[in-house]
């Protein structure tokens, strides 16, 4: 119940918070992208489960594929990373009916094995409105080397 309330508040704030030229749907998708980053950072599998569709196809930055189940399981198996921060540098959203494509760049920084790192990835996420709720059905990330 907390997750639905949290996501409802996030999406509601995005729609009403002066998002510039963005439509309410675009603002909603941007809010969901940011909620996904926060849920991942805090290992909130319940929130992630509501954001990601059961048929999710995830293409990782190393080219490997994951399902929703394997992605959620990987959260339990991953080593905690000190001071991790993942945040979008840019997000653009294109809406075609009940499909939205979010593209942008996110930056990840933290400390791993005692060493600081900063990584940037370009992402493409596909969102579909199902039963009145936007969920991510496909996601991919590609490292930006320059």
C-alpha atoms as a PDB file:
ATOM      1  CA  UNK A   1       0.000   0.000   0.000  1.00  0.00           C
ATOM      2  CA  UNK A   2       2.869   2.401   0.798  1.00  0.00           C
ATOM      3  CA  UNK A   3       4.337   1.764  -2.662  1.00  0.00           C
ATOM      4  CA  UNK A   4       1.121   2.721  -4.439  1.00  0.00           C
ATOM      5  CA  UNK A   5       0.827   5.832  -2.288  1.00  0.00           C
ATOM      6  CA  UNK A   6       4.475   6.737  -2.953  1.00  0.00           C
ATOM      7  CA  UNK A   7       4.156   6.252  -6.715  1.00  0.00           C
ATOM      8  CA  UNK A   8       0.847   8.131  -6.780  1.00  0.00           C
ATOM      9  CA  UNK A   9       2.417  11.058  -4.957  1.00  0.00           C
ATOM     10  CA  UNK A  10       5.482  11.050  -7.216  1.00  0.00           C
ATOM     11  CA  UNK A  11       3.367  10.987 -10.343  1.00  0.00           C
ATOM     12  CA  UNK A  12       0.921  13.566  -9.000  1.00  0.00           C
ATOM     13  CA  UNK A  13       3.719  15.956  -8.098  1.00  0.00           C
ATOM     14  CA  UNK A  14       5.296  15.580 -11.522  1.00  0.00           C
ATOM     15  CA  UNK A  15       2.054  16.517 -13.238  1.00  0.00           C
ATOM     16  CA  UNK A  16       1.478  19.612 -11.097  1.00  0.00           C
ATOM     17  CA  UNK A  17       5.014  20.846 -10.522  1.00  0.00           C
ATOM     18  CA  UNK A  18       5.666  23.103 -13.502  1.00  0.00           C
ATOM     19  CA  UNK A  19       7.491  20.614 -15.686  1.00  0.00           C
ATOM     20  CA  UNK A  20       7.987  23.198 -18.436  1.00  0.00           C
ATOM     21  CA  UNK A  21       6.834  22.092 -21.864  1.00  0.00           C
ATOM     22  CA  UNK A  22       6.079  18.529 -20.792  1.00  0.00           C
ATOM     23  CA  UNK A  23       2.610  17.063 -21.060  1.00  0.00           C
ATOM     24  CA  UNK A  24       1.126  15.348 -17.995  1.00  0.00           C
ATOM     25  CA  UNK A  25       2.007  11.937 -19.476  1.00  0.00           C
ATOM     26  CA  UNK A  26       5.613  12.976 -20.133  1.00  0.00           C
ATOM     27  CA  UNK A  27       5.902  14.342 -16.584  1.00  0.00           C
ATOM     28  CA  UNK A  28       4.458  11.098 -15.249  1.00  0.00           C
ATOM     29  CA  UNK A  29       7.049   9.012 -17.125  1.00  0.00           C
ATOM     30  CA  UNK A  30       9.904  11.255 -15.927  1.00  0.00           C
ATOM     31  CA  UNK A  31       8.664  10.816 -12.343  1.00  0.00           C
ATOM     32  CA  UNK A  32       8.518   7.041 -12.808  1.00  0.00           C
ATOM     33  CA  UNK A  33      12.076   7.021 -14.202  1.00  0.00           C
ATOM     34  CA  UNK A  34      13.281   8.896 -11.115  1.00  0.00           C
ATOM     35  CA  UNK A  35      11.260   6.614  -8.821  1.00  0.00           C
ATOM     36  CA  UNK A  36      12.912   3.607 -10.495  1.00  0.00           C
ATOM     37  CA  UNK A  37      16.379   5.063  -9.756  1.00  0.00           C
ATOM     38  CA  UNK A  38      15.478   5.685  -6.115  1.00  0.00           C
ATOM     39  CA  UNK A  39      13.868   2.277  -5.658  1.00  0.00           C
ATOM     40  CA  UNK A  40      16.947   0.613  -7.111  1.00  0.00           C
ATOM     41  CA  UNK A  41      19.277   2.673  -4.926  1.00  0.00           C
ATOM     42  CA  UNK A  42      17.370   1.665  -1.782  1.00  0.00           C
ATOM     43  CA  UNK A  43      16.839  -1.927  -2.963  1.00  0.00           C
ATOM     44  CA  UNK A  44      13.076  -1.483  -2.757  1.00  0.00           C
ATOM     45  CA  UNK A  45      11.942  -4.554  -4.674  1.00  0.00           C
ATOM     46  CA  UNK A  46       8.292  -3.885  -3.870  1.00  0.00           C
ATOM     47  CA  UNK A  47       8.388  -0.485  -5.575  1.00  0.00           C
ATOM     48  CA  UNK A  48      10.369  -1.916  -8.495  1.00  0.00           C
ATOM     49  CA  UNK A  49       7.850  -4.719  -8.850  1.00  0.00           C
ATOM     50  CA  UNK A  50       5.094  -2.137  -9.402  1.00  0.00           C
ATOM     51  CA  UNK A  51       7.142  -0.029 -11.829  1.00  0.00           C
ATOM     52  CA  UNK A  52       8.298  -2.942 -13.998  1.00  0.00           C
ATOM     53  CA  UNK A  53       5.902  -5.090 -16.034  1.00  0.00           C
ATOM     54  CA  UNK A  54       6.004  -8.858 -15.514  1.00  0.00           C
ATOM     55  CA  UNK A  55       7.152  -9.343 -19.124  1.00  0.00           C
ATOM     56  CA  UNK A  56      10.046  -6.853 -18.786  1.00  0.00           C
ATOM     57  CA  UNK A  57      13.050  -7.368 -21.057  1.00  0.00           C
ATOM     58  CA  UNK A  58      16.151  -5.632 -19.720  1.00  0.00           C
ATOM     59  CA  UNK A  59      19.317  -5.248 -21.795  1.00  0.00           C
ATOM     60  CA  UNK A  60      22.204  -4.496 -19.440  1.00  0.00           C
ATOM     61  CA  UNK A  61      25.169  -2.318 -20.340  1.00  0.00           C
ATOM     62  CA  UNK A  62      27.266  -5.465 -20.911  1.00  0.00           C
ATOM     63  CA  UNK A  63      24.739  -6.803 -23.442  1.00  0.00           C
ATOM     64  CA  UNK A  64      23.254  -9.463 -21.156  1.00  0.00           C
ATOM     65  CA  UNK A  65      19.488  -9.938 -20.932  1.00  0.00           C
ATOM     66  CA  UNK A  66      17.391 -10.091 -17.788  1.00  0.00           C
ATOM     67  CA  UNK A  67      13.771 -10.719 -17.020  1.00  0.00           C
ATOM     68  CA  UNK A  68      11.940  -8.902 -14.256  1.00  0.00           C
ATOM     69  CA  UNK A  69      12.446 -11.900 -11.977  1.00  0.00           C
ATOM     70  CA  UNK A  70      16.171 -12.170 -12.606  1.00  0.00           C
ATOM     71  CA  UNK A  71      16.605  -8.405 -12.226  1.00  0.00           C
ATOM     72  CA  UNK A  72      14.837  -8.401  -8.850  1.00  0.00           C
ATOM     73  CA  UNK A  73      16.828 -11.463  -7.745  1.00  0.00           C
ATOM     74  CA  UNK A  74      20.085  -9.749  -8.744  1.00  0.00           C
ATOM     75  CA  UNK A  75      19.348  -6.972  -6.257  1.00  0.00           C
ATOM     76  CA  UNK A  76      19.597  -9.493  -3.410  1.00  0.00           C
ATOM     77  CA  UNK A  77      22.809 -10.987  -4.800  1.00  0.00           C
ATOM     78  CA  UNK A  78      24.646  -7.732  -5.547  1.00  0.00           C
ATOM     79  CA  UNK A  79      27.210  -6.380  -3.137  1.00  0.00           C
ATOM     80  CA  UNK A  80      26.229  -3.179  -1.392  1.00  0.00           C
ATOM     81  CA  UNK A  81      28.064  -0.208  -2.857  1.00  0.00           C
ATOM     82  CA  UNK A  82      29.083   2.678  -0.606  1.00  0.00           C
ATOM     83  CA  UNK A  83      27.664   6.116  -1.337  1.00  0.00           C
ATOM     84  CA  UNK A  84      25.998   4.990  -4.552  1.00  0.00           C
ATOM     85  CA  UNK A  85      24.059   7.656  -6.356  1.00  0.00           C
ATOM     86  CA  UNK A  86      22.247   7.184  -9.645  1.00  0.00           C
ATOM     87  CA  UNK A  87      20.560  10.156 -11.170  1.00  0.00           C
ATOM     88  CA  UNK A  88      19.384  11.178 -14.608  1.00  0.00           C
ATOM     89  CA  UNK A  89      21.337  13.910 -16.351  1.00  0.00           C
ATOM     90  CA  UNK A  90      18.674  14.173 -19.032  1.00  0.00           C
ATOM     91  CA  UNK A  91      15.360  12.552 -19.908  1.00  0.00           C
ATOM     92  CA  UNK A  92      13.229  13.018 -23.028  1.00  0.00           C
ATOM     93  CA  UNK A  93       9.883  11.328 -23.505  1.00  0.00           C
ATOM     94  CA  UNK A  94       8.001  10.609 -26.745  1.00  0.00           C
ATOM     95  CA  UNK A  95       4.395   9.489 -26.404  1.00  0.00           C
ATOM     96  CA  UNK A  96       2.484   7.547 -29.052  1.00  0.00           C
ATOM     97  CA  UNK A  97      -0.952   6.597 -27.737  1.00  0.00           C
ATOM     98  CA  UNK A  98      -0.493   4.269 -24.766  1.00  0.00           C
ATOM     99  CA  UNK A  99       3.252   3.837 -25.389  1.00  0.00           C
ATOM    100  CA  UNK A 100       5.983   6.160 -24.133  1.00  0.00           C
ATOM    101  CA  UNK A 101       9.673   5.972 -24.999  1.00  0.00           C
ATOM    102  CA  UNK A 102      12.024   7.567 -22.463  1.00  0.00           C
ATOM    103  CA  UNK A 103      15.583   8.288 -23.568  1.00  0.00           C
ATOM    104  CA  UNK A 104      18.385  10.009 -21.755  1.00  0.00           C
ATOM    105  CA  UNK A 105      21.601   9.745 -19.825  1.00  0.00           C
ATOM    106  CA  UNK A 106      22.046   8.688 -16.230  1.00  0.00           C
ATOM    107  CA  UNK A 107      25.129   9.045 -14.097  1.00  0.00           C
ATOM    108  CA  UNK A 108      26.112   6.553 -11.454  1.00  0.00           C
ATOM    109  CA  UNK A 109      28.729   7.343  -8.864  1.00  0.00           C
ATOM    110  CA  UNK A 110      29.923   5.652  -5.752  1.00  0.00           C
ATOM    111  CA  UNK A 111      32.727   3.720  -4.139  1.00  0.00           C
ATOM    112  CA  UNK A 112      33.477   0.124  -5.099  1.00  0.00           C
ATOM    113  CA  UNK A 113      36.254  -1.880  -3.460  1.00  0.00           C
ATOM    114  CA  UNK A 114      37.531   1.320  -1.880  1.00  0.00           C
ATOM    115  CA  UNK A 115      37.763   3.191  -5.197  1.00  0.00           C
ATOM    116  CA  UNK A 116      35.541   6.028  -6.351  1.00  0.00           C
ATOM    117  CA  UNK A 117      33.873   5.687  -9.737  1.00  0.00           C
ATOM    118  CA  UNK A 118      31.608   7.639 -12.059  1.00  0.00           C
ATOM    119  CA  UNK A 119      29.803   5.901 -14.909  1.00  0.00           C
ATOM    120  CA  UNK A 120      27.487   7.371 -17.508  1.00  0.00           C
ATOM    121  CA  UNK A 121      24.988   5.367 -19.532  1.00  0.00           C
ATOM    122  CA  UNK A 122      22.548   6.253 -22.283  1.00  0.00           C
ATOM    123  CA  UNK A 123      19.213   4.534 -21.755  1.00  0.00           C
ATOM    124  CA  UNK A 124      16.061   3.737 -23.710  1.00  0.00           C
ATOM    125  CA  UNK A 125      13.021   2.614 -21.714  1.00  0.00           C
ATOM    126  CA  UNK A 126       9.662   1.637 -23.182  1.00  0.00           C
ATOM    127  CA  UNK A 127       6.574   2.291 -21.062  1.00  0.00           C
ATOM    128  CA  UNK A 128       3.057   1.008 -21.767  1.00  0.00           C
ATOM    129  CA  UNK A 129      -0.179   2.137 -20.164  1.00  0.00           C
ATOM    130  CA  UNK A 130      -1.892  -1.037 -18.960  1.00  0.00           C
ATOM    131  CA  UNK A 131      -5.185  -0.891 -17.054  1.00  0.00           C
ATOM    132  CA  UNK A 132      -4.627   2.834 -16.523  1.00  0.00           C
ATOM    133  CA  UNK A 133      -1.120   2.384 -15.056  1.00  0.00           C
ATOM    134  CA  UNK A 134       2.198   3.096 -16.778  1.00  0.00           C
ATOM    135  CA  UNK A 135       4.709   0.236 -16.477  1.00  0.00           C
ATOM    136  CA  UNK A 136       8.107  -0.306 -18.054  1.00  0.00           C
ATOM    137  CA  UNK A 137       8.152  -3.251 -20.485  1.00  0.00           C
ATOM    138  CA  UNK A 138      11.643  -2.874 -21.983  1.00  0.00           C
ATOM    139  CA  UNK A 139      14.827  -1.140 -20.916  1.00  0.00           C
ATOM    140  CA  UNK A 140      18.378  -0.925 -22.186  1.00  0.00           C
ATOM    141  CA  UNK A 141      21.535   0.915 -21.194  1.00  0.00           C
ATOM    142  CA  UNK A 142      24.720   1.573 -23.134  1.00  0.00           C
ATOM    143  CA  UNK A 143      27.927   2.872 -21.504  1.00  0.00           C
ATOM    144  CA  UNK A 144      29.092   6.284 -22.653  1.00  0.00           C
ATOM    145  CA  UNK A 145      32.833   6.103 -22.966  1.00  0.00           C
ATOM    146  CA  UNK A 146      33.402   9.771 -23.781  1.00  0.00           C
END
